[in-house]
Amino acid sequence: MSYKYKVMMTDYAWPSVEPERGVLGEVGAELIVAESGTEEEFIELAPQVDGILTCWLHVTTAVVEAAKKCKVIGRCGIGLDNIDVETATALGMVVTNVPAYCIDEVSDHTMALLLSCARKINLFDRTIKNGDWTRDVGPAMRRIRGQKLGIVGFGKIGKAIVPKAKAFGLEVLIYSPRATQEMAEEHGVTLVDFPELLTESDFITIHAPLNPETEGLFTEGAFRRMKPTAYLLNTARGGIIETDALYNALTGGEIAGAGLDVLAEEPPQPDERLLALESAILTPHAAFTSEESTYDLEVTAAAEVARVLMGQMPESVVNPEVLSSPTLRAKVLSQQQ
């Protein structure tokens, strides 16, 4: 088959890329899957491709600059912290993501972590398997109904958690620089500032992107404000929490526990201190995963790239300013504005 376009895929976290290959093939695009996943390999492949698809590996400044004819970079996911969006925009590349996938999965996973912390599921399981049939382990358990859940970030996933939390009788507080009082009233939640969310919440769950505003948001100072009976949940990005500060807060009794699907370094080093703590429940960046969500992600991310290659408007442009830029490489798009 003769291909009109080439698309590089840096990495993927699912068994097969046949869904992507099928979607791109329909518009005459060949999918080239990187083998080593190194920046050097990406730089070597970049000059020949018209588009890039990436999951977790970094599309760095050097990679973006090497992609001399690339029109689009598509993120297989929501967050953009692994793409140099600024350079891509300056060079005229459209950057897309998939903002509406895995909402059910991540909100379900968040509630699973919350319940596991609150009901000491993992701790009881380990204790029993170690031959100790006792309930007197770990922190005291409190009734979930009537406690407060603080949500940091109030996008699609944050909003999806609200009805699930309320079904357990939790009162919901939210903190987001972009949230409004009208939005809070619409969802039946209380809008607060960050310090109040820290001091009032019995559980805090993070659903914000990793960016300069949120990186290291949870510091030693933040943990000192939290209740000693509170739990911190993170299914967003590990870099939002200062790892050493969290370890100190858990071992020093400043908070009761944590449920983490993400870490600052993934996978963690064998000597990562959080791995040894009974008060920390860890899952391997799996909150987004289900057969349904993975398939939807693959097809949608590939379709966004295909749209740009065909001169059509993608559904989610994360750098809309590029559409009116004189450097825009997808010229048909500029004519449609």
C-alpha atoms as a PDB file:
ATOM      1  CA  MET A   1       0.000   0.000   0.000  1.00  0.00           C
ATOM      2  CA  SER A   2       1.215   3.472  -0.848  1.00  0.00           C
ATOM      3  CA  TYR A   3       0.938   5.953   2.032  1.00  0.00           C
ATOM      4  CA  LYS A   4       0.513   9.705   1.752  1.00  0.00           C
ATOM      5  CA  TYR A   5       1.460  10.449   5.377  1.00  0.00           C
ATOM      6  CA  LYS A   6       3.568   8.999   8.162  1.00  0.00           C
ATOM      7  CA  VAL A   7       2.727   9.169  11.860  1.00  0.00           C
ATOM      8  CA  MET A   8       5.198   8.258  14.610  1.00  0.00           C
ATOM      9  CA  MET A   9       3.882   6.637  17.779  1.00  0.00           C
ATOM     10  CA  THR A  10       6.344   7.113  20.626  1.00  0.00           C
ATOM     11  CA  ASP A  11       4.837   4.584  23.030  1.00  0.00           C
ATOM     12  CA  TYR A  12       1.621   2.914  24.131  1.00  0.00           C
ATOM     13  CA  ALA A  13       0.279   1.171  27.223  1.00  0.00           C
ATOM     14  CA  TRP A  14      -2.030  -1.403  25.623  1.00  0.00           C
ATOM     15  CA  PRO A  15      -1.537  -4.754  23.877  1.00  0.00           C
ATOM     16  CA  SER A  16      -1.906  -3.621  20.264  1.00  0.00           C
ATOM     17  CA  VAL A  17      -1.907  -0.520  18.066  1.00  0.00           C
ATOM     18  CA  GLU A  18      -4.195  -2.027  15.447  1.00  0.00           C
ATOM     19  CA  PRO A  19      -7.034   0.435  16.258  1.00  0.00           C
ATOM     20  CA  GLU A  20      -4.684   3.370  15.613  1.00  0.00           C
ATOM     21  CA  ARG A  21      -3.279   1.708  12.515  1.00  0.00           C
ATOM     22  CA  GLY A  22      -6.777   1.170  11.146  1.00  0.00           C
ATOM     23  CA  VAL A  23      -7.968   4.740  11.738  1.00  0.00           C
ATOM     24  CA  LEU A  24      -4.834   6.275  10.228  1.00  0.00           C
ATOM     25  CA  GLY A  25      -4.772   3.838   7.332  1.00  0.00           C
ATOM     26  CA  GLU A  26      -8.188   5.058   6.237  1.00  0.00           C
ATOM     27  CA  VAL A  27      -6.688   8.482   5.468  1.00  0.00           C
ATOM     28  CA  GLY A  28      -3.545   7.096   3.888  1.00  0.00           C
ATOM     29  CA  ALA A  29      -1.275   7.430   6.908  1.00  0.00           C
ATOM     30  CA  GLU A  30       1.333   4.848   7.855  1.00  0.00           C
ATOM     31  CA  LEU A  31       1.886   4.287  11.585  1.00  0.00           C
ATOM     32  CA  ILE A  32       5.542   4.004  12.567  1.00  0.00           C
ATOM     33  CA  VAL A  33       5.964   2.691  16.116  1.00  0.00           C
ATOM     34  CA  ALA A  34       9.179   3.654  17.878  1.00  0.00           C
ATOM     35  CA  GLU A  35      11.128   0.665  19.141  1.00  0.00           C
ATOM     36  CA  SER A  36      13.472   1.908  21.843  1.00  0.00           C
ATOM     37  CA  GLY A  37      11.427   4.856  23.115  1.00  0.00           C
ATOM     38  CA  THR A  38      14.509   7.036  23.479  1.00  0.00           C
ATOM     39  CA  GLU A  39      14.717  10.703  22.632  1.00  0.00           C
ATOM     40  CA  GLU A  40      17.491   9.889  20.171  1.00  0.00           C
ATOM     41  CA  GLU A  41      15.210   7.526  18.253  1.00  0.00           C
ATOM     42  CA  PHE A  42      12.404  10.093  18.191  1.00  0.00           C
ATOM     43  CA  ILE A  43      14.784  12.735  16.824  1.00  0.00           C
ATOM     44  CA  GLU A  44      15.929  10.313  14.123  1.00  0.00           C
ATOM     45  CA  LEU A  45      12.344   9.482  13.063  1.00  0.00           C
ATOM     46  CA  ALA A  46      10.864  12.958  13.477  1.00  0.00           C
ATOM     47  CA  PRO A  47      11.992  14.586  10.175  1.00  0.00           C
ATOM     48  CA  GLN A  48      10.043  12.072   8.090  1.00  0.00           C
ATOM     49  CA  VAL A  49       6.690  12.209   9.901  1.00  0.00           C
ATOM     50  CA  ASP A  50       3.602  14.328   9.340  1.00  0.00           C
ATOM     51  CA  GLY A  51       2.164  13.578  12.781  1.00  0.00           C
ATOM     52  CA  ILE A  52       3.134  12.266  16.210  1.00  0.00           C
ATOM     53  CA  LEU A  53       1.091  10.225  18.667  1.00  0.00           C
ATOM     54  CA  THR A  54       2.370   9.917  22.225  1.00  0.00           C
ATOM     55  CA  CYS A  55       1.191   8.250  25.402  1.00  0.00           C
ATOM     56  CA  TRP A  56       3.585   8.815  28.316  1.00  0.00           C
ATOM     57  CA  LEU A  57       7.033   9.351  26.838  1.00  0.00           C
ATOM     58  CA  HIS A  58       8.257  12.901  26.347  1.00  0.00           C
ATOM     59  CA  VAL A  59       8.008  14.777  23.093  1.00  0.00           C
ATOM     60  CA  THR A  60      10.770  17.171  24.033  1.00  0.00           C
ATOM     61  CA  THR A  61      11.842  20.458  22.517  1.00  0.00           C
ATOM     62  CA  ALA A  62      14.519  18.659  20.517  1.00  0.00           C
ATOM     63  CA  VAL A  63      11.993  16.187  19.113  1.00  0.00           C
ATOM     64  CA  VAL A  64       9.520  18.927  18.194  1.00  0.00           C
ATOM     65  CA  GLU A  65      12.231  20.966  16.476  1.00  0.00           C
ATOM     66  CA  ALA A  66      13.406  17.914  14.527  1.00  0.00           C
ATOM     67  CA  ALA A  67       9.892  17.268  13.172  1.00  0.00           C
ATOM     68  CA  LYS A  68      10.316  19.708  10.292  1.00  0.00           C
ATOM     69  CA  LYS A  69       7.096  18.835   8.445  1.00  0.00           C
ATOM     70  CA  CYS A  70       4.956  17.619  11.355  1.00  0.00           C
ATOM     71  CA  LYS A  71       1.485  19.175  11.409  1.00  0.00           C
ATOM     72  CA  VAL A  72       0.035  17.625  14.548  1.00  0.00           C
ATOM     73  CA  ILE A  73       1.027  16.079  17.876  1.00  0.00           C
ATOM     74  CA  GLY A  74      -1.706  13.969  19.455  1.00  0.00           C
ATOM     75  CA  ARG A  75      -1.689  13.005  23.112  1.00  0.00           C
ATOM     76  CA  CYS A  76      -3.198   9.609  23.907  1.00  0.00           C
ATOM     77  CA  GLY A  77      -4.712  10.940  27.104  1.00  0.00           C
ATOM     78  CA  ILE A  78      -5.638  14.145  28.856  1.00  0.00           C
ATOM     79  CA  GLY A  79      -2.526  15.639  30.443  1.00  0.00           C
ATOM     80  CA  LEU A  80       0.033  17.525  28.375  1.00  0.00           C
ATOM     81  CA  ASP A  81       3.035  17.636  30.687  1.00  0.00           C
ATOM     82  CA  ASN A  82       5.026  15.293  28.412  1.00  0.00           C
ATOM     83  CA  ILE A  83       4.707  17.514  25.300  1.00  0.00           C
ATOM     84  CA  ASP A  84       6.514  20.787  24.640  1.00  0.00           C
ATOM     85  CA  VAL A  85       3.301  22.534  23.616  1.00  0.00           C
ATOM     86  CA  GLU A  86       4.928  25.969  23.567  1.00  0.00           C
ATOM     87  CA  THR A  87       7.508  25.017  20.955  1.00  0.00           C
ATOM     88  CA  ALA A  88       4.959  23.057  18.931  1.00  0.00           C
ATOM     89  CA  THR A  89       2.725  26.121  18.853  1.00  0.00           C
ATOM     90  CA  ALA A  90       5.553  28.421  17.809  1.00  0.00           C
ATOM     91  CA  LEU A  91       6.424  26.081  14.954  1.00  0.00           C
ATOM     92  CA  GLY A  92       2.820  25.814  13.779  1.00  0.00           C
ATOM     93  CA  MET A  93       1.853  22.341  14.994  1.00  0.00           C
ATOM     94  CA  VAL A  94      -1.646  21.605  16.238  1.00  0.00           C
ATOM     95  CA  VAL A  95      -1.639  19.737  19.573  1.00  0.00           C
ATOM     96  CA  THR A  96      -4.627  17.570  20.454  1.00  0.00           C
ATOM     97  CA  ASN A  97      -5.671  15.441  23.393  1.00  0.00           C
ATOM     98  CA  VAL A  98      -8.590  13.254  24.471  1.00  0.00           C
ATOM     99  CA  PRO A  99     -10.224  15.137  27.358  1.00  0.00           C
ATOM    100  CA  ALA A 100     -13.414  13.094  27.647  1.00  0.00           C
ATOM    101  CA  TYR A 101     -12.129   9.548  28.068  1.00  0.00           C
ATOM    102  CA  CYS A 102     -11.764   7.345  31.172  1.00  0.00           C
ATOM    103  CA  ILE A 103     -14.044   9.630  33.213  1.00  0.00           C
ATOM    104  CA  ASP A 104     -15.945   6.660  34.641  1.00  0.00           C
ATOM    105  CA  GLU A 105     -12.785   4.660  35.227  1.00  0.00           C
ATOM    106  CA  VAL A 106     -10.802   7.348  37.072  1.00  0.00           C
ATOM    107  CA  SER A 107     -13.745   8.497  39.185  1.00  0.00           C
ATOM    108  CA  ASP A 108     -14.509   4.855  40.068  1.00  0.00           C
ATOM    109  CA  HIS A 109     -10.844   4.243  40.926  1.00  0.00           C
ATOM    110  CA  THR A 110     -10.817   7.320  43.131  1.00  0.00           C
ATOM    111  CA  MET A 111     -13.800   6.047  45.077  1.00  0.00           C
ATOM    112  CA  ALA A 112     -12.161   2.621  45.339  1.00  0.00           C
ATOM    113  CA  LEU A 113      -9.059   4.187  46.885  1.00  0.00           C
ATOM    114  CA  LEU A 114     -11.187   6.310  49.204  1.00  0.00           C
ATOM    115  CA  LEU A 115     -13.149   3.277  50.420  1.00  0.00           C
ATOM    116  CA  SER A 116      -9.992   1.183  50.758  1.00  0.00           C
ATOM    117  CA  CYS A 117      -8.459   3.876  52.954  1.00  0.00           C
ATOM    118  CA  ALA A 118     -11.596   4.551  54.986  1.00  0.00           C
ATOM    119  CA  ARG A 119     -12.406   0.884  55.601  1.00  0.00           C
ATOM    120  CA  LYS A 120      -8.758  -0.269  55.885  1.00  0.00           C
ATOM    121  CA  ILE A 121      -9.300  -2.943  53.216  1.00  0.00           C
ATOM    122  CA  ASN A 122      -5.653  -3.355  52.240  1.00  0.00           C
ATOM    123  CA  LEU A 123      -4.431  -3.214  55.818  1.00  0.00           C
ATOM    124  CA  PHE A 124      -6.911  -5.872  56.960  1.00  0.00           C
ATOM    125  CA  ASP A 125      -5.990  -8.062  53.996  1.00  0.00           C
ATOM    126  CA  ARG A 126      -2.268  -7.910  54.779  1.00  0.00           C
ATOM    127  CA  THR A 127      -2.849  -8.463  58.490  1.00  0.00           C
ATOM    128  CA  ILE A 128      -4.973 -11.558  57.969  1.00  0.00           C
ATOM    129  CA  LYS A 129      -2.532 -13.032  55.458  1.00  0.00           C
ATOM    130  CA  ASN A 130       0.220 -12.535  58.035  1.00  0.00           C
ATOM    131  CA  GLY A 131      -1.740 -14.742  60.443  1.00  0.00           C
ATOM    132  CA  ASP A 132      -3.286 -12.025  62.608  1.00  0.00           C
ATOM    133  CA  TRP A 133      -7.098 -12.108  62.717  1.00  0.00           C
ATOM    134  CA  THR A 134      -7.701  -8.782  64.421  1.00  0.00           C
ATOM    135  CA  ARG A 135      -9.542  -5.543  63.824  1.00  0.00           C
ATOM    136  CA  ASP A 136      -7.326  -3.460  66.084  1.00  0.00           C
ATOM    137  CA  VAL A 137      -4.825  -2.323  63.467  1.00  0.00           C
ATOM    138  CA  GLY A 138      -4.168   1.072  61.940  1.00  0.00           C
ATOM    139  CA  PRO A 139      -6.132   4.259  62.573  1.00  0.00           C
ATOM    140  CA  ALA A 140      -9.633   4.255  63.987  1.00  0.00           C
ATOM    141  CA  MET A 141     -12.407   3.920  61.433  1.00  0.00           C
ATOM    142  CA  ARG A 142     -15.102   6.562  61.158  1.00  0.00           C
ATOM    143  CA  ARG A 143     -18.448   6.465  59.452  1.00  0.00           C
ATOM    144  CA  ILE A 144     -18.085   7.781  55.894  1.00  0.00           C
ATOM    145  CA  ARG A 145     -21.473   9.457  55.799  1.00  0.00           C
ATOM    146  CA  GLY A 146     -21.183  13.031  57.012  1.00  0.00           C
ATOM    147  CA  GLN A 147     -17.465  13.393  56.282  1.00  0.00           C
ATOM    148  CA  LYS A 148     -16.073  15.906  53.791  1.00  0.00           C
ATOM    149  CA  LEU A 149     -14.407  15.159  50.477  1.00  0.00           C
ATOM    150  CA  GLY A 150     -12.249  17.927  49.017  1.00  0.00           C
ATOM    151  CA  ILE A 151     -11.696  17.874  45.251  1.00  0.00           C
ATOM    152  CA  VAL A 152      -8.673  19.699  43.822  1.00  0.00           C
ATOM    153  CA  GLY A 153      -9.449  20.464  40.176  1.00  0.00           C
ATOM    154  CA  PHE A 154     -12.996  20.470  38.898  1.00  0.00           C
ATOM    155  CA  GLY A 155     -12.914  19.285  35.317  1.00  0.00           C
ATOM    156  CA  LYS A 156     -14.839  16.383  33.855  1.00  0.00           C
ATOM    157  CA  ILE A 157     -13.444  13.779  36.264  1.00  0.00           C
ATOM    158  CA  GLY A 158     -13.832  16.004  39.314  1.00  0.00           C
ATOM    159  CA  LYS A 159     -17.466  16.614  38.390  1.00  0.00           C
ATOM    160  CA  ALA A 160     -18.055  12.885  37.811  1.00  0.00           C
ATOM    161  CA  ILE A 161     -16.957  12.098  41.367  1.00  0.00           C
ATOM    162  CA  VAL A 162     -19.603  14.327  42.950  1.00  0.00           C
ATOM    163  CA  PRO A 163     -22.664  12.050  42.554  1.00  0.00           C
ATOM    164  CA  LYS A 164     -20.628   8.996  43.519  1.00  0.00           C
ATOM    165  CA  ALA A 165     -19.345  10.707  46.650  1.00  0.00           C
ATOM    166  CA  LYS A 166     -22.790  11.980  47.572  1.00  0.00           C
ATOM    167  CA  ALA A 167     -24.181   8.451  47.259  1.00  0.00           C
ATOM    168  CA  PHE A 168     -21.989   7.592  50.265  1.00  0.00           C
ATOM    169  CA  GLY A 169     -23.192  10.641  52.160  1.00  0.00           C
ATOM    170  CA  LEU A 170     -20.048  12.704  51.716  1.00  0.00           C
ATOM    171  CA  GLU A 171     -20.214  16.491  51.692  1.00  0.00           C
ATOM    172  CA  VAL A 172     -18.179  17.808  48.757  1.00  0.00           C
ATOM    173  CA  LEU A 173     -15.842  20.804  48.760  1.00  0.00           C
ATOM    174  CA  ILE A 174     -14.021  21.930  45.624  1.00  0.00           C
ATOM    175  CA  TYR A 175     -10.965  24.038  44.927  1.00  0.00           C
ATOM    176  CA  SER A 176     -10.155  25.158  41.401  1.00  0.00           C
ATOM    177  CA  PRO A 177      -8.908  28.539  40.176  1.00  0.00           C
ATOM    178  CA  ARG A 178     -11.294  28.198  37.234  1.00  0.00           C
ATOM    179  CA  ALA A 179     -14.391  27.148  39.157  1.00  0.00           C
ATOM    180  CA  THR A 180     -17.175  29.657  39.768  1.00  0.00           C
ATOM    181  CA  GLN A 181     -19.854  29.968  42.402  1.00  0.00           C
ATOM    182  CA  GLU A 182     -22.435  29.286  39.723  1.00  0.00           C
ATOM    183  CA  MET A 183     -20.648  26.061  38.814  1.00  0.00           C
ATOM    184  CA  ALA A 184     -20.524  25.011  42.458  1.00  0.00           C
ATOM    185  CA  GLU A 185     -24.227  25.659  42.933  1.00  0.00           C
ATOM    186  CA  GLU A 186     -25.050  23.721  39.764  1.00  0.00           C
ATOM    187  CA  HIS A 187     -23.292  20.629  41.142  1.00  0.00           C
ATOM    188  CA  GLY A 188     -24.366  21.060  44.752  1.00  0.00           C
ATOM    189  CA  VAL A 189     -20.850  21.510  46.127  1.00  0.00           C
ATOM    190  CA  THR A 190     -19.072  24.167  48.181  1.00  0.00           C
ATOM    191  CA  LEU A 191     -16.393  26.286  46.533  1.00  0.00           C
ATOM    192  CA  VAL A 192     -13.499  27.053  48.890  1.00  0.00           C
ATOM    193  CA  ASP A 193      -9.923  28.288  48.670  1.00  0.00           C
ATOM    194  CA  PHE A 194      -7.017  25.869  48.965  1.00  0.00           C
ATOM    195  CA  PRO A 195      -6.187  26.490  52.650  1.00  0.00           C
ATOM    196  CA  GLU A 196      -9.826  25.899  53.651  1.00  0.00           C
ATOM    197  CA  LEU A 197     -10.005  22.733  51.605  1.00  0.00           C
ATOM    198  CA  LEU A 198      -6.905  21.445  53.407  1.00  0.00           C
ATOM    199  CA  THR A 199      -8.194  22.184  56.898  1.00  0.00           C
ATOM    200  CA  GLU A 200     -11.817  21.081  56.384  1.00  0.00           C
ATOM    201  CA  SER A 201     -11.533  17.914  54.294  1.00  0.00           C
ATOM    202  CA  ASP A 202     -11.492  14.375  55.647  1.00  0.00           C
ATOM    203  CA  PHE A 203     -10.475  13.096  52.217  1.00  0.00           C
ATOM    204  CA  ILE A 204      -8.745  15.091  49.483  1.00  0.00           C
ATOM    205  CA  THR A 205      -8.639  13.854  45.897  1.00  0.00           C
ATOM    206  CA  ILE A 206      -6.498  15.434  43.179  1.00  0.00           C
ATOM    207  CA  HIS A 207      -7.826  15.871  39.639  1.00  0.00           C
ATOM    208  CA  ALA A 208      -5.759  18.791  38.357  1.00  0.00           C
ATOM    209  CA  PRO A 209      -3.262  18.834  35.480  1.00  0.00           C
ATOM    210  CA  LEU A 210       0.439  19.011  36.198  1.00  0.00           C
ATOM    211  CA  ASN A 211       1.605  22.500  35.278  1.00  0.00           C
ATOM    212  CA  PRO A 212       3.658  25.286  36.898  1.00  0.00           C
ATOM    213  CA  GLU A 213       0.659  26.226  39.074  1.00  0.00           C
ATOM    214  CA  THR A 214       0.171  22.724  40.487  1.00  0.00           C
ATOM    215  CA  GLU A 215       3.661  21.207  40.533  1.00  0.00           C
ATOM    216  CA  GLY A 216       4.580  20.521  44.153  1.00  0.00           C
ATOM    217  CA  LEU A 217       1.242  21.914  45.337  1.00  0.00           C
ATOM    218  CA  PHE A 218       1.175  19.522  48.286  1.00  0.00           C
ATOM    219  CA  THR A 219       4.144  20.600  50.362  1.00  0.00           C
ATOM    220  CA  GLU A 220       5.053  20.079  54.011  1.00  0.00           C
ATOM    221  CA  GLY A 221       3.088  23.232  54.751  1.00  0.00           C
ATOM    222  CA  ALA A 222       0.004  21.833  53.052  1.00  0.00           C
ATOM    223  CA  PHE A 223       0.208  18.577  54.994  1.00  0.00           C
ATOM    224  CA  ARG A 224       0.523  20.465  58.279  1.00  0.00           C
ATOM    225  CA  ARG A 225      -2.811  22.119  57.530  1.00  0.00           C
ATOM    226  CA  MET A 226      -4.587  18.805  56.964  1.00  0.00           C
ATOM    227  CA  LYS A 227      -6.396  16.856  59.658  1.00  0.00           C
ATOM    228  CA  PRO A 228      -4.358  14.043  61.218  1.00  0.00           C
ATOM    229  CA  THR A 229      -7.299  11.768  60.379  1.00  0.00           C
ATOM    230  CA  ALA A 230      -7.395  12.831  56.702  1.00  0.00           C
ATOM    231  CA  TYR A 231      -6.482  10.833  53.610  1.00  0.00           C
ATOM    232  CA  LEU A 232      -4.945  12.119  50.367  1.00  0.00           C
ATOM    233  CA  LEU A 233      -5.870  10.485  47.047  1.00  0.00           C
ATOM    234  CA  ASN A 234      -4.093  11.096  43.747  1.00  0.00           C
ATOM    235  CA  THR A 235      -5.101   9.752  40.342  1.00  0.00           C
ATOM    236  CA  ALA A 236      -3.805  12.798  38.434  1.00  0.00           C
ATOM    237  CA  ARG A 237      -0.022  13.304  38.317  1.00  0.00           C
ATOM    238  CA  GLY A 238       2.614  12.371  40.878  1.00  0.00           C
ATOM    239  CA  GLY A 239       4.453  15.665  40.553  1.00  0.00           C
ATOM    240  CA  ILE A 240       1.580  17.534  42.189  1.00  0.00           C
ATOM    241  CA  ILE A 241       2.738  16.056  45.496  1.00  0.00           C
ATOM    242  CA  GLU A 242       6.200  16.533  46.987  1.00  0.00           C
ATOM    243  CA  THR A 243       7.115  12.897  47.646  1.00  0.00           C
ATOM    244  CA  ASP A 244       9.396  13.528  50.608  1.00  0.00           C
ATOM    245  CA  ALA A 245       6.794  15.790  52.200  1.00  0.00           C
ATOM    246  CA  LEU A 246       4.163  13.077  51.814  1.00  0.00           C
ATOM    247  CA  TYR A 247       6.447  10.442  53.314  1.00  0.00           C
ATOM    248  CA  ASN A 248       7.177  12.690  56.287  1.00  0.00           C
ATOM    249  CA  ALA A 249       3.486  13.484  56.731  1.00  0.00           C
ATOM    250  CA  LEU A 250       2.579   9.781  56.760  1.00  0.00           C
ATOM    251  CA  THR A 251       5.362   8.688  59.099  1.00  0.00           C
ATOM    252  CA  GLY A 252       4.939  11.735  61.323  1.00  0.00           C
ATOM    253  CA  GLY A 253       1.195  11.257  61.755  1.00  0.00           C
ATOM    254  CA  GLU A 254       0.245  14.539  60.069  1.00  0.00           C
ATOM    255  CA  ILE A 255      -2.248  12.624  57.905  1.00  0.00           C
ATOM    256  CA  ALA A 256      -3.732   9.140  58.279  1.00  0.00           C
ATOM    257  CA  GLY A 257      -2.963   7.721  54.874  1.00  0.00           C
ATOM    258  CA  ALA A 258      -2.782   8.059  51.116  1.00  0.00           C
ATOM    259  CA  GLY A 259      -4.177   6.290  48.064  1.00  0.00           C
ATOM    260  CA  LEU A 260      -1.895   6.854  45.066  1.00  0.00           C
ATOM    261  CA  ASP A 261      -2.307   5.732  41.477  1.00  0.00           C
ATOM    262  CA  VAL A 262       0.517   7.999  40.325  1.00  0.00           C
ATOM    263  CA  LEU A 263       4.008   8.810  41.561  1.00  0.00           C
ATOM    264  CA  ALA A 264       6.582  11.442  40.655  1.00  0.00           C
ATOM    265  CA  GLU A 265       8.765   8.656  39.234  1.00  0.00           C
ATOM    266  CA  GLU A 266       7.076   5.768  37.444  1.00  0.00           C
ATOM    267  CA  PRO A 267       7.813   2.992  37.988  1.00  0.00           C
ATOM    268  CA  PRO A 268       9.333   3.825  41.370  1.00  0.00           C
ATOM    269  CA  GLN A 269      12.848   2.846  42.321  1.00  0.00           C
ATOM    270  CA  PRO A 270      13.054  -0.261  44.549  1.00  0.00           C
ATOM    271  CA  ASP A 271      14.179   1.939  47.446  1.00  0.00           C
ATOM    272  CA  GLU A 272      11.210   4.317  47.175  1.00  0.00           C
ATOM    273  CA  ARG A 273      10.234   4.788  50.829  1.00  0.00           C
ATOM    274  CA  LEU A 274       6.490   4.974  50.183  1.00  0.00           C
ATOM    275  CA  LEU A 275       6.541   1.306  49.141  1.00  0.00           C
ATOM    276  CA  ALA A 276       7.262   0.252  52.714  1.00  0.00           C
ATOM    277  CA  LEU A 277       4.387   2.161  54.326  1.00  0.00           C
ATOM    278  CA  GLU A 278       1.195   0.387  55.360  1.00  0.00           C
ATOM    279  CA  SER A 279      -0.524   3.771  55.339  1.00  0.00           C
ATOM    280  CA  ALA A 280       0.038   4.193  51.586  1.00  0.00           C
ATOM    281  CA  ILE A 281      -2.051   2.256  49.060  1.00  0.00           C
ATOM    282  CA  LEU A 282      -0.403   2.183  45.624  1.00  0.00           C
ATOM    283  CA  THR A 283      -1.701   1.189  42.199  1.00  0.00           C
ATOM    284  CA  PRO A 284       0.382   1.308  38.967  1.00  0.00           C
ATOM    285  CA  HIS A 285      -1.094   4.310  37.094  1.00  0.00           C
ATOM    286  CA  ALA A 286      -4.038   2.089  36.239  1.00  0.00           C
ATOM    287  CA  ALA A 287      -7.009   4.318  37.054  1.00  0.00           C
ATOM    288  CA  PHE A 288      -7.720   5.040  33.390  1.00  0.00           C
ATOM    289  CA  THR A 289      -7.785   1.397  32.400  1.00  0.00           C
ATOM    290  CA  SER A 290     -10.670  -0.680  31.127  1.00  0.00           C
ATOM    291  CA  GLU A 291     -11.099  -2.491  27.840  1.00  0.00           C
ATOM    292  CA  GLU A 292     -13.700   0.052  26.812  1.00  0.00           C
ATOM    293  CA  SER A 293     -11.768   3.184  27.781  1.00  0.00           C
ATOM    294  CA  THR A 294      -8.550   1.951  26.179  1.00  0.00           C
ATOM    295  CA  TYR A 295     -10.228   1.250  22.845  1.00  0.00           C
ATOM    296  CA  ASP A 296     -12.010   4.609  22.920  1.00  0.00           C
ATOM    297  CA  LEU A 297      -8.714   6.337  23.659  1.00  0.00           C
ATOM    298  CA  GLU A 298      -6.822   4.653  20.838  1.00  0.00           C
ATOM    299  CA  VAL A 299      -9.463   5.384  18.225  1.00  0.00           C
ATOM    300  CA  THR A 300     -10.142   8.956  19.348  1.00  0.00           C
ATOM    301  CA  ALA A 301      -6.480   9.990  19.610  1.00  0.00           C
ATOM    302  CA  ALA A 302      -5.723   8.575  16.162  1.00  0.00           C
ATOM    303  CA  ALA A 303      -8.838  10.181  14.676  1.00  0.00           C
ATOM    304  CA  GLU A 304      -7.759  13.601  15.940  1.00  0.00           C
ATOM    305  CA  VAL A 305      -4.417  13.264  14.155  1.00  0.00           C
ATOM    306  CA  ALA A 306      -6.170  11.993  11.023  1.00  0.00           C
ATOM    307  CA  ARG A 307      -8.483  15.015  10.995  1.00  0.00           C
ATOM    308  CA  VAL A 308      -5.588  17.453  11.028  1.00  0.00           C
ATOM    309  CA  LEU A 309      -3.757  15.554   8.279  1.00  0.00           C
ATOM    310  CA  MET A 310      -6.918  15.753   6.152  1.00  0.00           C
ATOM    311  CA  GLY A 311      -7.320  19.475   6.794  1.00  0.00           C
ATOM    312  CA  GLN A 312     -10.290  19.063   9.117  1.00  0.00           C
ATOM    313  CA  MET A 313     -10.850  20.654  12.511  1.00  0.00           C
ATOM    314  CA  PRO A 314     -10.061  18.277  15.401  1.00  0.00           C
ATOM    315  CA  GLU A 315     -12.483  18.073  18.298  1.00  0.00           C
ATOM    316  CA  SER A 316      -9.952  19.043  20.980  1.00  0.00           C
ATOM    317  CA  VAL A 317      -7.232  21.572  20.155  1.00  0.00           C
ATOM    318  CA  VAL A 318      -5.209  22.399  23.254  1.00  0.00           C
ATOM    319  CA  ASN A 319      -3.313  25.258  21.585  1.00  0.00           C
ATOM    320  CA  PRO A 320      -6.084  27.097  19.689  1.00  0.00           C
ATOM    321  CA  GLU A 321      -3.876  30.140  19.181  1.00  0.00           C
ATOM    322  CA  VAL A 322      -1.955  28.157  16.560  1.00  0.00           C
ATOM    323  CA  LEU A 323      -5.011  28.120  14.296  1.00  0.00           C
ATOM    324  CA  SER A 324      -4.594  31.813  13.517  1.00  0.00           C
ATOM    325  CA  SER A 325      -0.805  31.741  13.451  1.00  0.00           C
ATOM    326  CA  PRO A 326       1.076  32.454  10.211  1.00  0.00           C
ATOM    327  CA  THR A 327       3.291  29.471  11.044  1.00  0.00           C
ATOM    328  CA  LEU A 328       0.382  26.983  11.002  1.00  0.00           C
ATOM    329  CA  ARG A 329       1.455  23.995   8.933  1.00  0.00           C
ATOM    330  CA  ALA A 330      -2.007  22.516   8.344  1.00  0.00           C
ATOM    331  CA  LYS A 331      -2.883  25.199   5.820  1.00  0.00           C
ATOM    332  CA  VAL A 332      -6.416  24.006   5.119  1.00  0.00           C
ATOM    333  CA  LEU A 333      -7.236  24.648   8.767  1.00  0.00           C
ATOM    334  CA  SER A 334      -6.111  28.247   8.465  1.00  0.00           C
ATOM    335  CA  GLN A 335      -8.381  28.704   5.461  1.00  0.00           C
ATOM    336  CA  GLN A 336     -11.344  27.392   7.443  1.00  0.00           C
ATOM    337  CA  GLN A 337     -11.009  29.975  10.233  1.00  0.00           C
END
